[in-house]
C-alpha atoms as a PDB file:
ATOM      1  CA  UNK A   1      33.193   6.469 -52.627  1.00  0.00           C
ATOM      2  CA  UNK A   2      32.204   3.384 -54.582  1.00  0.00           C
ATOM      3  CA  UNK A   3      34.807   1.418 -56.517  1.00  0.00           C
ATOM      4  CA  UNK A   4      34.265  -1.835 -58.866  1.00  0.00           C
ATOM      5  CA  UNK A   5      36.416  -4.669 -57.722  1.00  0.00           C
ATOM      6  CA  UNK A   6      36.814  -6.578 -61.211  1.00  0.00           C
ATOM      7  CA  UNK A   7      38.937  -9.170 -59.666  1.00  0.00           C
ATOM      8  CA  UNK A   8      36.822 -10.045 -56.663  1.00  0.00           C
ATOM      9  CA  UNK A   9      39.931  -9.228 -54.775  1.00  0.00           C
ATOM     10  CA  UNK A  10      38.064  -7.530 -51.611  1.00  0.00           C
ATOM     11  CA  UNK A  11      34.521  -9.527 -51.983  1.00  0.00           C
ATOM     12  CA  UNK A  12      33.595 -13.072 -51.490  1.00  0.00           C
ATOM     13  CA  UNK A  13      30.083 -12.173 -52.697  1.00  0.00           C
ATOM     14  CA  UNK A  14      30.010 -11.319 -56.316  1.00  0.00           C
ATOM     15  CA  UNK A  15      26.943  -9.263 -55.912  1.00  0.00           C
ATOM     16  CA  UNK A  16      29.355  -6.927 -53.552  1.00  0.00           C
ATOM     17  CA  UNK A  17      31.697  -6.366 -56.373  1.00  0.00           C
ATOM     18  CA  UNK A  18      30.865  -2.675 -56.506  1.00  0.00           C
ATOM     19  CA  UNK A  19      30.835  -1.372 -53.026  1.00  0.00           C
ATOM     20  CA  UNK A  20      31.580   1.128 -50.208  1.00  0.00           C
ATOM     21  CA  UNK A  21      34.796   0.879 -48.592  1.00  0.00           C
ATOM     22  CA  UNK A  22      34.670   1.987 -44.770  1.00  0.00           C
ATOM     23  CA  UNK A  23      36.897   1.868 -41.683  1.00  0.00           C
ATOM     24  CA  UNK A  24      35.513   0.728 -38.309  1.00  0.00           C
ATOM     25  CA  UNK A  25      37.646   1.737 -35.358  1.00  0.00           C
ATOM     26  CA  UNK A  26      36.585   0.875 -31.680  1.00  0.00           C
ATOM     27  CA  UNK A  27      37.493   3.567 -29.122  1.00  0.00           C
ATOM     28  CA  UNK A  28      38.420   2.509 -25.435  1.00  0.00           C
ATOM     29  CA  UNK A  29      36.182  -0.737 -25.992  1.00  0.00           C
ATOM     30  CA  UNK A  30      37.249  -4.251 -26.118  1.00  0.00           C
ATOM     31  CA  UNK A  31      36.637  -5.375 -29.873  1.00  0.00           C
ATOM     32  CA  UNK A  32      33.929  -7.571 -30.673  1.00  0.00           C
ATOM     33  CA  UNK A  33      34.107 -10.832 -32.589  1.00  0.00           C
ATOM     34  CA  UNK A  34      32.528 -10.130 -35.612  1.00  0.00           C
ATOM     35  CA  UNK A  35      32.182 -13.843 -36.215  1.00  0.00           C
ATOM     36  CA  UNK A  36      29.638 -14.148 -33.646  1.00  0.00           C
ATOM     37  CA  UNK A  37      27.181 -11.733 -35.724  1.00  0.00           C
ATOM     38  CA  UNK A  38      26.291 -13.882 -38.863  1.00  0.00           C
ATOM     39  CA  UNK A  39      24.067 -10.911 -40.029  1.00  0.00           C
ATOM     40  CA  UNK A  40      26.990  -8.843 -40.512  1.00  0.00           C
ATOM     41  CA  UNK A  41      28.367 -11.746 -42.927  1.00  0.00           C
ATOM     42  CA  UNK A  42      25.452 -11.359 -45.036  1.00  0.00           C
ATOM     43  CA  UNK A  43      25.937  -7.559 -45.540  1.00  0.00           C
ATOM     44  CA  UNK A  44      29.737  -6.962 -45.535  1.00  0.00           C
ATOM     45  CA  UNK A  45      33.003  -8.238 -45.852  1.00  0.00           C
ATOM     46  CA  UNK A  46      35.703  -7.401 -43.643  1.00  0.00           C
ATOM     47  CA  UNK A  47      39.532  -7.626 -42.402  1.00  0.00           C
ATOM     48  CA  UNK A  48      41.307  -6.895 -39.487  1.00  0.00           C
ATOM     49  CA  UNK A  49      43.202  -3.353 -39.998  1.00  0.00           C
ATOM     50  CA  UNK A  50      45.124  -3.612 -36.306  1.00  0.00           C
ATOM     51  CA  UNK A  51      44.082  -4.566 -32.775  1.00  0.00           C
ATOM     52  CA  UNK A  52      40.872  -2.016 -32.702  1.00  0.00           C
ATOM     53  CA  UNK A  53      39.843  -1.386 -36.251  1.00  0.00           C
ATOM     54  CA  UNK A  54      38.346  -3.266 -39.434  1.00  0.00           C
ATOM     55  CA  UNK A  55      38.112  -2.368 -42.832  1.00  0.00           C
ATOM     56  CA  UNK A  56      34.770  -3.299 -44.260  1.00  0.00           C
ATOM     57  CA  UNK A  57      33.265  -3.509 -47.671  1.00  0.00           C
ATOM     58  CA  UNK A  58      29.567  -3.533 -48.273  1.00  0.00           C
ATOM     59  CA  UNK A  59      26.867  -2.511 -50.884  1.00  0.00           C
ATOM     60  CA  UNK A  60      24.971  -0.320 -48.189  1.00  0.00           C
ATOM     61  CA  UNK A  61      25.596   3.286 -48.171  1.00  0.00           C
ATOM     62  CA  UNK A  62      27.253   4.660 -45.070  1.00  0.00           C
ATOM     63  CA  UNK A  63      24.166   5.565 -43.057  1.00  0.00           C
ATOM     64  CA  UNK A  64      22.058   2.508 -43.717  1.00  0.00           C
ATOM     65  CA  UNK A  65      25.234   0.289 -42.857  1.00  0.00           C
ATOM     66  CA  UNK A  66      25.585   2.363 -39.489  1.00  0.00           C
ATOM     67  CA  UNK A  67      22.156   1.734 -38.696  1.00  0.00           C
ATOM     68  CA  UNK A  68      22.135  -2.195 -39.291  1.00  0.00           C
ATOM     69  CA  UNK A  69      25.522  -2.574 -37.320  1.00  0.00           C
ATOM     70  CA  UNK A  70      24.127  -0.622 -34.311  1.00  0.00           C
ATOM     71  CA  UNK A  71      21.053  -2.780 -34.403  1.00  0.00           C
ATOM     72  CA  UNK A  72      23.000  -5.995 -34.871  1.00  0.00           C
ATOM     73  CA  UNK A  73      26.159  -5.372 -32.431  1.00  0.00           C
ATOM     74  CA  UNK A  74      24.883  -4.153 -29.084  1.00  0.00           C
ATOM     75  CA  UNK A  75      27.588  -1.462 -28.310  1.00  0.00           C
ATOM     76  CA  UNK A  76      26.877   2.354 -27.585  1.00  0.00           C
ATOM     77  CA  UNK A  77      27.431   4.644 -30.845  1.00  0.00           C
ATOM     78  CA  UNK A  78      30.058   6.508 -28.974  1.00  0.00           C
ATOM     79  CA  UNK A  79      32.065   3.486 -28.496  1.00  0.00           C
ATOM     80  CA  UNK A  80      33.126   3.082 -32.212  1.00  0.00           C
ATOM     81  CA  UNK A  81      33.828   5.444 -35.071  1.00  0.00           C
ATOM     82  CA  UNK A  82      32.437   4.420 -38.788  1.00  0.00           C
ATOM     83  CA  UNK A  83      33.607   6.425 -41.679  1.00  0.00           C
ATOM     84  CA  UNK A  84      34.725   6.215 -45.296  1.00  0.00           C
ATOM     85  CA  UNK A  85      38.094   5.050 -45.344  1.00  0.00           C
ATOM     86  CA  UNK A  86      39.461   7.566 -47.694  1.00  0.00           C
ATOM     87  CA  UNK A  87      38.371  10.231 -44.676  1.00  0.00           C
ATOM     88  CA  UNK A  88      40.835   8.712 -42.493  1.00  0.00           C
ATOM     89  CA  UNK A  89      43.854   8.729 -44.385  1.00  0.00           C
ATOM     90  CA  UNK A  90      45.934  11.333 -42.518  1.00  0.00           C
ATOM     91  CA  UNK A  91      44.645   9.746 -39.068  1.00  0.00           C
ATOM     92  CA  UNK A  92      46.856   7.752 -37.072  1.00  0.00           C
ATOM     93  CA  UNK A  93      45.647   5.282 -34.294  1.00  0.00           C
ATOM     94  CA  UNK A  94      48.470   3.838 -33.530  1.00  0.00           C
END
């Protein structure tokens, strides 16, 4: 799902005004401090969603973003779930 952020409410970088909206949930693992990975700041904007999750906005498609995230953050792929936010609308992680 892409959307155009006409008022730049979600994006701090104007080139990311048209972006994908993802949900990143960490499963039974300590949540890493994303600020420690400046490479992520270059490819996405994020906001804390709860104690174990983030909302992400990026111009990269899901598979490409997941590859770059996995290469940047040293976590096993089964310790987090990354998906489009609209796919998780009926999911309760609390």
